[in-house]
Amino acid sequence: MKRGFWVALGLGAGATGAVMASRWTRKQAKRVAPQTIAREAKGGIMDLSKLFNESMAEGKRAMDDREAQLRRDYQVGRSDGQGSSQGSSRPGAADDSAA
């Protein structure tokens, strides 16, 4: 009786351990599958791209604000007619078109 109980208990514990180990192994295998890694990498690249684009837009806004401030401080208008949509906001742009 005692021996049968311990044999059954050991078999049950072994089976439970094997099932748990098998599930853990499958979960880990899915985690490192090429599709999963590619999906995570794509997400990271998309996040990085979004941050880069936001940084560039913020830099352009700051540059435009600073240019407007300098133009106000030094009372300088654009050489192509102030507020014209044809000109470039780059300093010296009028010189480039005359050349």
PDB file of N, CA and C in Angstrom:
ATOM      1  N   MET A   1       0.821  -1.179   0.000  1.00  0.00           N
ATOM      2  CA  MET A   1       0.000   0.000   0.000  1.00  0.00           C
ATOM      3  C   MET A   1       0.871   1.251   0.000  1.00  0.00           C
ATOM      4  N   LYS A   2       1.844   1.322   0.937  1.00  0.00           N
ATOM      5  CA  LYS A   2       2.713   2.493   1.001  1.00  0.00           C
ATOM      6  C   LYS A   2       3.523   2.639  -0.270  1.00  0.00           C
ATOM      7  N   ARG A   3       4.029   1.534  -0.764  1.00  0.00           N
ATOM      8  CA  ARG A   3       4.853   1.577  -1.957  1.00  0.00           C
ATOM      9  C   ARG A   3       4.049   2.021  -3.166  1.00  0.00           C
ATOM     10  N   GLY A   4       2.855   1.565  -3.329  1.00  0.00           N
ATOM     11  CA  GLY A   4       1.981   1.947  -4.442  1.00  0.00           C
ATOM     12  C   GLY A   4       1.643   3.440  -4.400  1.00  0.00           C
ATOM     13  N   PHE A   5       1.398   3.936  -3.196  1.00  0.00           N
ATOM     14  CA  PHE A   5       1.110   5.360  -3.035  1.00  0.00           C
ATOM     15  C   PHE A   5       2.278   6.205  -3.506  1.00  0.00           C
ATOM     16  N   TRP A   6       3.468   5.847  -3.080  1.00  0.00           N
ATOM     17  CA  TRP A   6       4.649   6.634  -3.439  1.00  0.00           C
ATOM     18  C   TRP A   6       4.981   6.501  -4.919  1.00  0.00           C
ATOM     19  N   VAL A   7       4.730   5.337  -5.484  1.00  0.00           N
ATOM     20  CA  VAL A   7       4.946   5.160  -6.918  1.00  0.00           C
ATOM     21  C   VAL A   7       3.971   6.059  -7.694  1.00  0.00           C
ATOM     22  N   ALA A   8       2.701   6.061  -7.297  1.00  0.00           N
ATOM     23  CA  ALA A   8       1.695   6.873  -7.964  1.00  0.00           C
ATOM     24  C   ALA A   8       2.018   8.359  -7.789  1.00  0.00           C
ATOM     25  N   LEU A   9       2.426   8.745  -6.599  1.00  0.00           N
ATOM     26  CA  LEU A   9       2.788  10.139  -6.343  1.00  0.00           C
ATOM     27  C   LEU A   9       3.985  10.547  -7.198  1.00  0.00           C
ATOM     28  N   GLY A  10       4.983   9.717  -7.304  1.00  0.00           N
ATOM     29  CA  GLY A  10       6.159  10.003  -8.121  1.00  0.00           C
ATOM     30  C   GLY A  10       5.813  10.119  -9.591  1.00  0.00           C
ATOM     31  N   LEU A  11       4.947   9.183 -10.066  1.00  0.00           N
ATOM     32  CA  LEU A  11       4.530   9.249 -11.466  1.00  0.00           C
ATOM     33  C   LEU A  11       3.739  10.534 -11.733  1.00  0.00           C
ATOM     34  N   GLY A  12       2.871  10.899 -10.828  1.00  0.00           N
ATOM     35  CA  GLY A  12       2.083  12.127 -10.979  1.00  0.00           C
ATOM     36  C   GLY A  12       2.969  13.367 -10.981  1.00  0.00           C
ATOM     37  N   ALA A  13       3.924  13.416 -10.065  1.00  0.00           N
ATOM     38  CA  ALA A  13       4.837  14.562 -10.003  1.00  0.00           C
ATOM     39  C   ALA A  13       5.706  14.622 -11.252  1.00  0.00           C
ATOM     40  N   GLY A  14       6.160  13.477 -11.721  1.00  0.00           N
ATOM     41  CA  GLY A  14       6.978  13.433 -12.931  1.00  0.00           C
ATOM     42  C   GLY A  14       6.193  13.888 -14.151  1.00  0.00           C
ATOM     43  N   ALA A  15       4.953  13.423 -14.262  1.00  0.00           N
ATOM     44  CA  ALA A  15       4.120  13.807 -15.397  1.00  0.00           C
ATOM     45  C   ALA A  15       3.827  15.311 -15.354  1.00  0.00           C
ATOM     46  N   THR A  16       3.524  15.811 -14.158  1.00  0.00           N
ATOM     47  CA  THR A  16       3.255  17.245 -14.011  1.00  0.00           C
ATOM     48  C   THR A  16       4.483  18.059 -14.378  1.00  0.00           C
ATOM     49  N   GLY A  17       5.631  17.640 -13.907  1.00  0.00           N
ATOM     50  CA  GLY A  17       6.874  18.336 -14.227  1.00  0.00           C
ATOM     51  C   GLY A  17       7.170  18.304 -15.713  1.00  0.00           C
ATOM     52  N   ALA A  18       6.903  17.164 -16.357  1.00  0.00           N
ATOM     53  CA  ALA A  18       7.155  17.039 -17.795  1.00  0.00           C
ATOM     54  C   ALA A  18       6.226  17.962 -18.593  1.00  0.00           C
ATOM     55  N   VAL A  19       4.956  18.026 -18.206  1.00  0.00           N
ATOM     56  CA  VAL A  19       4.008  18.894 -18.899  1.00  0.00           C
ATOM     57  C   VAL A  19       4.408  20.359 -18.726  1.00  0.00           C
ATOM     58  N   MET A  20       4.769  20.735 -17.510  1.00  0.00           N
ATOM     59  CA  MET A  20       5.169  22.126 -17.250  1.00  0.00           C
ATOM     60  C   MET A  20       6.436  22.480 -18.020  1.00  0.00           C
ATOM     61  N   ALA A  21       7.394  21.575 -18.049  1.00  0.00           N
ATOM     62  CA  ALA A  21       8.638  21.823 -18.779  1.00  0.00           C
ATOM     63  C   ALA A  21       8.369  21.937 -20.279  1.00  0.00           C
ATOM     64  N   SER A  22       7.468  21.096 -20.778  1.00  0.00           N
ATOM     65  CA  SER A  22       7.128  21.138 -22.196  1.00  0.00           C
ATOM     66  C   SER A  22       6.473  22.471 -22.558  1.00  0.00           C
ATOM     67  N   ARG A  23       5.537  22.937 -21.726  1.00  0.00           N
ATOM     68  CA  ARG A  23       4.888  24.227 -21.979  1.00  0.00           C
ATOM     69  C   ARG A  23       5.893  25.368 -21.928  1.00  0.00           C
ATOM     70  N   TRP A  24       6.780  25.340 -20.948  1.00  0.00           N
ATOM     71  CA  TRP A  24       7.790  26.394 -20.815  1.00  0.00           C
ATOM     72  C   TRP A  24       8.693  26.414 -22.039  1.00  0.00           C
ATOM     73  N   THR A  25       9.086  25.223 -22.500  1.00  0.00           N
ATOM     74  CA  THR A  25       9.973  25.119 -23.658  1.00  0.00           C
ATOM     75  C   THR A  25       9.294  25.668 -24.911  1.00  0.00           C
ATOM     76  N   ARG A  26       8.014  25.323 -25.132  1.00  0.00           N
ATOM     77  CA  ARG A  26       7.283  25.839 -26.290  1.00  0.00           C
ATOM     78  C   ARG A  26       7.163  27.360 -26.228  1.00  0.00           C
ATOM     79  N   LYS A  27       6.886  27.877 -25.041  1.00  0.00           N
ATOM     80  CA  LYS A  27       6.760  29.324 -24.865  1.00  0.00           C
ATOM     81  C   LYS A  27       8.079  30.020 -25.194  1.00  0.00           C
ATOM     82  N   GLN A  28       9.187  29.467 -24.730  1.00  0.00           N
ATOM     83  CA  GLN A  28      10.494  30.060 -25.006  1.00  0.00           C
ATOM     84  C   GLN A  28      10.843  29.958 -26.486  1.00  0.00           C
ATOM     85  N   ALA A  29      10.461  28.851 -27.109  1.00  0.00           N
ATOM     86  CA  ALA A  29      10.736  28.679 -28.541  1.00  0.00           C
ATOM     87  C   ALA A  29       9.954  29.699 -29.364  1.00  0.00           C
ATOM     88  N   LYS A  30       8.709  29.978 -28.977  1.00  0.00           N
ATOM     89  CA  LYS A  30       7.927  30.992 -29.691  1.00  0.00           C
ATOM     90  C   LYS A  30       8.528  32.373 -29.499  1.00  0.00           C
ATOM     91  N   ARG A  31       9.067  32.613 -28.313  1.00  0.00           N
ATOM     92  CA  ARG A  31       9.645  33.917 -28.009  1.00  0.00           C
ATOM     93  C   ARG A  31      10.854  34.225 -28.877  1.00  0.00           C
ATOM     94  N   VAL A  32      11.627  33.220 -29.223  1.00  0.00           N
ATOM     95  CA  VAL A  32      12.836  33.440 -30.020  1.00  0.00           C
ATOM     96  C   VAL A  32      12.662  33.004 -31.474  1.00  0.00           C
ATOM     97  N   ALA A  33      11.421  32.797 -31.894  1.00  0.00           N
ATOM     98  CA  ALA A  33      11.160  32.430 -33.282  1.00  0.00           C
ATOM     99  C   ALA A  33      11.520  33.614 -34.183  1.00  0.00           C
ATOM    100  N   PRO A  34      11.975  33.343 -35.384  1.00  0.00           N
ATOM    101  CA  PRO A  34      12.356  34.422 -36.296  1.00  0.00           C
ATOM    102  C   PRO A  34      11.233  35.436 -36.544  1.00  0.00           C
ATOM    103  N   GLN A  35       9.981  34.955 -36.651  1.00  0.00           N
ATOM    104  CA  GLN A  35       8.869  35.866 -36.888  1.00  0.00           C
ATOM    105  C   GLN A  35       8.700  36.828 -35.712  1.00  0.00           C
ATOM    106  N   THR A  36       8.827  36.316 -34.503  1.00  0.00           N
ATOM    107  CA  THR A  36       8.663  37.161 -33.317  1.00  0.00           C
ATOM    108  C   THR A  36       9.777  38.192 -33.233  1.00  0.00           C
ATOM    109  N   ILE A  37      10.990  37.755 -33.472  1.00  0.00           N
ATOM    110  CA  ILE A  37      12.130  38.676 -33.417  1.00  0.00           C
ATOM    111  C   ILE A  37      11.993  39.739 -34.511  1.00  0.00           C
ATOM    112  N   ALA A  38      11.573  39.335 -35.708  1.00  0.00           N
ATOM    113  CA  ALA A  38      11.389  40.288 -36.799  1.00  0.00           C
ATOM    114  C   ALA A  38      10.294  41.297 -36.455  1.00  0.00           C
ATOM    115  N   ARG A  39       9.205  40.833 -35.864  1.00  0.00           N
ATOM    116  CA  ARG A  39       8.109  41.725 -35.490  1.00  0.00           C
ATOM    117  C   ARG A  39       8.570  42.734 -34.439  1.00  0.00           C
ATOM    118  N   GLU A  40       9.320  42.261 -33.451  1.00  0.00           N
ATOM    119  CA  GLU A  40       9.826  43.165 -32.412  1.00  0.00           C
ATOM    120  C   GLU A  40      10.828  44.162 -32.989  1.00  0.00           C
ATOM    121  N   ALA A  41      11.675  43.701 -33.900  1.00  0.00           N
ATOM    122  CA  ALA A  41      12.652  44.597 -34.517  1.00  0.00           C
ATOM    123  C   ALA A  41      11.945  45.644 -35.367  1.00  0.00           C
ATOM    124  N   LYS A  42      10.921  45.232 -36.092  1.00  0.00           N
ATOM    125  CA  LYS A  42      10.161  46.166 -36.920  1.00  0.00           C
ATOM    126  C   LYS A  42       9.509  47.224 -36.033  1.00  0.00           C
ATOM    127  N   GLY A  43       8.947  46.793 -34.917  1.00  0.00           N
ATOM    128  CA  GLY A  43       8.336  47.741 -33.987  1.00  0.00           C
ATOM    129  C   GLY A  43       9.354  48.728 -33.447  1.00  0.00           C
ATOM    130  N   GLY A  44      10.540  48.242 -33.122  1.00  0.00           N
ATOM    131  CA  GLY A  44      11.599  49.123 -32.632  1.00  0.00           C
ATOM    132  C   GLY A  44      12.054  50.114 -33.682  1.00  0.00           C
ATOM    133  N   ILE A  45      12.166  49.655 -34.912  1.00  0.00           N
ATOM    134  CA  ILE A  45      12.587  50.543 -36.004  1.00  0.00           C
ATOM    135  C   ILE A  45      11.512  51.586 -36.272  1.00  0.00           C
ATOM    136  N   MET A  46      10.251  51.171 -36.215  1.00  0.00           N
ATOM    137  CA  MET A  46       9.154  52.125 -36.434  1.00  0.00           C
ATOM    138  C   MET A  46       9.149  53.185 -35.330  1.00  0.00           C
ATOM    139  N   ASP A  47       9.394  52.769 -34.082  1.00  0.00           N
ATOM    140  CA  ASP A  47       9.457  53.730 -32.980  1.00  0.00           C
ATOM    141  C   ASP A  47      10.614  54.699 -33.179  1.00  0.00           C
ATOM    142  N   LEU A  48      11.754  54.167 -33.578  1.00  0.00           N
ATOM    143  CA  LEU A  48      12.927  55.009 -33.809  1.00  0.00           C
ATOM    144  C   LEU A  48      12.670  55.992 -34.955  1.00  0.00           C
ATOM    145  N   SER A  49      12.032  55.517 -36.006  1.00  0.00           N
ATOM    146  CA  SER A  49      11.701  56.379 -37.139  1.00  0.00           C
ATOM    147  C   SER A  49      10.751  57.496 -36.710  1.00  0.00           C
ATOM    148  N   LYS A  50       9.774  57.151 -35.907  1.00  0.00           N
ATOM    149  CA  LYS A  50       8.820  58.158 -35.423  1.00  0.00           C
ATOM    150  C   LYS A  50       9.536  59.208 -34.579  1.00  0.00           C
ATOM    151  N   LEU A  51      10.416  58.756 -33.680  1.00  0.00           N
ATOM    152  CA  LEU A  51      11.171  59.704 -32.854  1.00  0.00           C
ATOM    153  C   LEU A  51      12.056  60.602 -33.704  1.00  0.00           C
ATOM    154  N   PHE A  52      12.680  60.033 -34.716  1.00  0.00           N
ATOM    155  CA  PHE A  52      13.545  60.805 -35.604  1.00  0.00           C
ATOM    156  C   PHE A  52      12.741  61.869 -36.336  1.00  0.00           C
ATOM    157  N   ASN A  53      11.589  61.480 -36.878  1.00  0.00           N
ATOM    158  CA  ASN A  53      10.753  62.439 -37.600  1.00  0.00           C
ATOM    159  C   ASN A  53      10.261  63.549 -36.679  1.00  0.00           C
ATOM    160  N   GLU A  54       9.888  63.190 -35.458  1.00  0.00           N
ATOM    161  CA  GLU A  54       9.448  64.206 -34.502  1.00  0.00           C
ATOM    162  C   GLU A  54      10.597  65.153 -34.157  1.00  0.00           C
ATOM    163  N   SER A  55      11.796  64.615 -34.007  1.00  0.00           N
ATOM    164  CA  SER A  55      12.960  65.443 -33.707  1.00  0.00           C
ATOM    165  C   SER A  55      13.262  66.404 -34.848  1.00  0.00           C
ATOM    166  N   MET A  56      13.181  65.909 -36.066  1.00  0.00           N
ATOM    167  CA  MET A  56      13.431  66.766 -37.223  1.00  0.00           C
ATOM    168  C   MET A  56      12.386  67.879 -37.308  1.00  0.00           C
ATOM    169  N   ALA A  57      11.131  67.541 -37.080  1.00  0.00           N
ATOM    170  CA  ALA A  57      10.064  68.551 -37.135  1.00  0.00           C
ATOM    171  C   ALA A  57      10.264  69.595 -36.042  1.00  0.00           C
ATOM    172  N   GLU A  58      10.621  69.159 -34.852  1.00  0.00           N
ATOM    173  CA  GLU A  58      10.866  70.101 -33.750  1.00  0.00           C
ATOM    174  C   GLU A  58      12.070  70.988 -34.062  1.00  0.00           C
ATOM    175  N   GLY A  59      13.103  70.428 -34.651  1.00  0.00           N
ATOM    176  CA  GLY A  59      14.269  71.215 -35.037  1.00  0.00           C
ATOM    177  C   GLY A  59      13.926  72.261 -36.081  1.00  0.00           C
ATOM    178  N   LYS A  60      13.098  71.885 -37.046  1.00  0.00           N
ATOM    179  CA  LYS A  60      12.690  72.844 -38.080  1.00  0.00           C
ATOM    180  C   LYS A  60      11.844  73.961 -37.482  1.00  0.00           C
ATOM    181  N   ARG A  61      10.944  73.595 -36.560  1.00  0.00           N
ATOM    182  CA  ARG A  61      10.135  74.629 -35.901  1.00  0.00           C
ATOM    183  C   ARG A  61      11.022  75.585 -35.111  1.00  0.00           C
ATOM    184  N   ALA A  62      11.987  75.043 -34.380  1.00  0.00           N
ATOM    185  CA  ALA A  62      12.893  75.888 -33.594  1.00  0.00           C
ATOM    186  C   ALA A  62      13.722  76.779 -34.512  1.00  0.00           C
ATOM    187  N   MET A  63      14.175  76.226 -35.633  1.00  0.00           N
ATOM    188  CA  MET A  63      14.961  76.998 -36.588  1.00  0.00           C
ATOM    189  C   MET A  63      14.129  78.147 -37.163  1.00  0.00           C
ATOM    190  N   ASP A  64      12.887  77.865 -37.530  1.00  0.00           N
ATOM    191  CA  ASP A  64      12.013  78.907 -38.065  1.00  0.00           C
ATOM    192  C   ASP A  64      11.721  79.984 -37.021  1.00  0.00           C
ATOM    193  N   ASP A  65      11.490  79.546 -35.779  1.00  0.00           N
ATOM    194  CA  ASP A  65      11.241  80.514 -34.702  1.00  0.00           C
ATOM    195  C   ASP A  65      12.453  81.412 -34.488  1.00  0.00           C
ATOM    196  N   ARG A  66      13.628  80.807 -34.485  1.00  0.00           N
ATOM    197  CA  ARG A  66      14.859  81.581 -34.269  1.00  0.00           C
ATOM    198  C   ARG A  66      15.095  82.543 -35.430  1.00  0.00           C
ATOM    199  N   GLU A  67      14.841  82.080 -36.649  1.00  0.00           N
ATOM    200  CA  GLU A  67      15.024  82.951 -37.804  1.00  0.00           C
ATOM    201  C   GLU A  67      14.069  84.148 -37.717  1.00  0.00           C
ATOM    202  N   ALA A  68      12.822  83.872 -37.356  1.00  0.00           N
ATOM    203  CA  ALA A  68      11.846  84.961 -37.233  1.00  0.00           C
ATOM    204  C   ALA A  68      12.270  85.939 -36.144  1.00  0.00           C
ATOM    205  N   GLN A  69      12.794  85.419 -35.038  1.00  0.00           N
ATOM    206  CA  GLN A  69      13.256  86.287 -33.951  1.00  0.00           C
ATOM    207  C   GLN A  69      14.420  87.152 -34.417  1.00  0.00           C
ATOM    208  N   LEU A  70      15.373  86.567 -35.108  1.00  0.00           N
ATOM    209  CA  LEU A  70      16.520  87.330 -35.603  1.00  0.00           C
ATOM    210  C   LEU A  70      16.080  88.382 -36.612  1.00  0.00           C
ATOM    211  N   ARG A  71      15.143  88.027 -37.490  1.00  0.00           N
ATOM    212  CA  ARG A  71      14.654  89.002 -38.465  1.00  0.00           C
ATOM    213  C   ARG A  71      13.962  90.173 -37.775  1.00  0.00           C
ATOM    214  N   ARG A  72      13.207  89.872 -36.702  1.00  0.00           N
ATOM    215  CA  ARG A  72      12.562  90.951 -35.942  1.00  0.00           C
ATOM    216  C   ARG A  72      13.602  91.805 -35.231  1.00  0.00           C
ATOM    217  N   ASP A  73      14.586  91.142 -34.598  1.00  0.00           N
ATOM    218  CA  ASP A  73      15.607  91.870 -33.842  1.00  0.00           C
ATOM    219  C   ASP A  73      16.422  92.799 -34.738  1.00  0.00           C
ATOM    220  N   TYR A  74      16.762  92.322 -35.918  1.00  0.00           N
ATOM    221  CA  TYR A  74      17.609  93.116 -36.821  1.00  0.00           C
ATOM    222  C   TYR A  74      16.804  93.826 -37.899  1.00  0.00           C
ATOM    223  N   GLN A  75      15.492  93.728 -37.827  1.00  0.00           N
ATOM    224  CA  GLN A  75      14.582  94.371 -38.764  1.00  0.00           C
ATOM    225  C   GLN A  75      14.975  94.090 -40.209  1.00  0.00           C
ATOM    226  N   VAL A  76      15.125  92.831 -40.496  1.00  0.00           N
ATOM    227  CA  VAL A  76      15.511  92.400 -41.831  1.00  0.00           C
ATOM    228  C   VAL A  76      14.332  91.660 -42.440  1.00  0.00           C
ATOM    229  N   GLY A  77      14.011  92.027 -43.693  1.00  0.00           N
ATOM    230  CA  GLY A  77      12.965  91.322 -44.421  1.00  0.00           C
ATOM    231  C   GLY A  77      13.607  90.333 -45.367  1.00  0.00           C
ATOM    232  N   ARG A  78      12.802  89.542 -45.974  1.00  0.00           N
ATOM    233  CA  ARG A  78      13.326  88.597 -46.963  1.00  0.00           C
ATOM    234  C   ARG A  78      13.708  89.357 -48.222  1.00  0.00           C
ATOM    235  N   SER A  79      14.753  88.909 -48.892  1.00  0.00           N
ATOM    236  CA  SER A  79      15.230  89.616 -50.079  1.00  0.00           C
ATOM    237  C   SER A  79      14.298  89.414 -51.269  1.00  0.00           C
ATOM    238  N   ASP A  80      13.459  88.388 -51.241  1.00  0.00           N
ATOM    239  CA  ASP A  80      12.557  88.118 -52.351  1.00  0.00           C
ATOM    240  C   ASP A  80      11.169  88.710 -52.114  1.00  0.00           C
ATOM    241  N   GLY A  81      11.065  89.598 -51.182  1.00  0.00           N
ATOM    242  CA  GLY A  81       9.766  90.164 -50.829  1.00  0.00           C
ATOM    243  C   GLY A  81       9.267  89.466 -49.584  1.00  0.00           C
ATOM    244  N   GLN A  82       9.093  90.181 -48.535  1.00  0.00           N
ATOM    245  CA  GLN A  82       8.768  89.573 -47.249  1.00  0.00           C
ATOM    246  C   GLN A  82       7.467  88.796 -47.348  1.00  0.00           C
ATOM    247  N   GLY A  83       7.512  87.530 -46.880  1.00  0.00           N
ATOM    248  CA  GLY A  83       6.332  86.689 -46.860  1.00  0.00           C
ATOM    249  C   GLY A  83       6.030  86.016 -48.184  1.00  0.00           C
ATOM    250  N   SER A  84       6.872  86.162 -49.174  1.00  0.00           N
ATOM    251  CA  SER A  84       6.627  85.540 -50.462  1.00  0.00           C
ATOM    252  C   SER A  84       6.753  84.032 -50.334  1.00  0.00           C
ATOM    253  N   SER A  85       5.885  83.301 -50.987  1.00  0.00           N
ATOM    254  CA  SER A  85       5.932  81.846 -50.905  1.00  0.00           C
ATOM    255  C   SER A  85       6.916  81.255 -51.899  1.00  0.00           C
ATOM    256  N   GLN A  86       7.514  82.092 -52.769  1.00  0.00           N
ATOM    257  CA  GLN A  86       8.430  81.570 -53.767  1.00  0.00           C
ATOM    258  C   GLN A  86       9.826  81.372 -53.221  1.00  0.00           C
ATOM    259  N   GLY A  87      10.220  82.158 -52.270  1.00  0.00           N
ATOM    260  CA  GLY A  87      11.606  82.168 -51.808  1.00  0.00           C
ATOM    261  C   GLY A  87      11.919  81.064 -50.832  1.00  0.00           C
ATOM    262  N   SER A  88      13.192  80.874 -50.652  1.00  0.00           N
ATOM    263  CA  SER A  88      13.681  79.911 -49.679  1.00  0.00           C
ATOM    264  C   SER A  88      13.994  80.638 -48.386  1.00  0.00           C
ATOM    265  N   SER A  89      13.857  79.946 -47.272  1.00  0.00           N
ATOM    266  CA  SER A  89      14.168  80.576 -45.991  1.00  0.00           C
ATOM    267  C   SER A  89      15.658  80.472 -45.671  1.00  0.00           C
ATOM    268  N   ARG A  90      16.416  79.890 -46.590  1.00  0.00           N
ATOM    269  CA  ARG A  90      17.837  79.736 -46.406  1.00  0.00           C
ATOM    270  C   ARG A  90      18.547  81.074 -46.618  1.00  0.00           C
ATOM    271  N   PRO A  91      19.474  81.454 -45.705  1.00  0.00           N
ATOM    272  CA  PRO A  91      20.222  82.683 -45.941  1.00  0.00           C
ATOM    273  C   PRO A  91      21.028  82.570 -47.225  1.00  0.00           C
ATOM    274  N   GLY A  92      21.052  83.645 -48.005  1.00  0.00           N
ATOM    275  CA  GLY A  92      21.815  83.633 -49.250  1.00  0.00           C
ATOM    276  C   GLY A  92      21.087  82.975 -50.398  1.00  0.00           C
ATOM    277  N   ALA A  93      19.803  82.662 -50.219  1.00  0.00           N
ATOM    278  CA  ALA A  93      19.062  81.984 -51.282  1.00  0.00           C
ATOM    279  C   ALA A  93      18.914  82.868 -52.509  1.00  0.00           C
ATOM    280  N   ALA A  94      18.803  84.199 -52.306  1.00  0.00           N
ATOM    281  CA  ALA A  94      18.676  85.112 -53.440  1.00  0.00           C
ATOM    282  C   ALA A  94      19.954  85.091 -54.273  1.00  0.00           C
ATOM    283  N   ASP A  95      21.111  84.942 -53.634  1.00  0.00           N
ATOM    284  CA  ASP A  95      22.383  84.899 -54.348  1.00  0.00           C
ATOM    285  C   ASP A  95      22.448  83.650 -55.228  1.00  0.00           C
ATOM    286  N   ASP A  96      21.895  82.535 -54.758  1.00  0.00           N
ATOM    287  CA  ASP A  96      21.933  81.295 -55.530  1.00  0.00           C
ATOM    288  C   ASP A  96      21.120  81.423 -56.801  1.00  0.00           C
ATOM    289  N   SER A  97      19.975  82.121 -56.761  1.00  0.00           N
ATOM    290  CA  SER A  97      19.138  82.210 -57.945  1.00  0.00           C
ATOM    291  C   SER A  97      19.714  83.182 -58.966  1.00  0.00           C
ATOM    292  N   ALA A  98      20.505  84.162 -58.519  1.00  0.00           N
ATOM    293  CA  ALA A  98      21.091  85.128 -59.442  1.00  0.00           C
ATOM    294  C   ALA A  98      22.283  84.552 -60.184  1.00  0.00           C
ATOM    295  N   ALA A  99      22.885  83.522 -59.681  1.00  0.00           N
ATOM    296  CA  ALA A  99      24.103  82.974 -60.270  1.00  0.00           C
ATOM    297  C   ALA A  99      23.862  82.178 -61.496  1.00  0.00           C
TER     298      ALA A  99
END
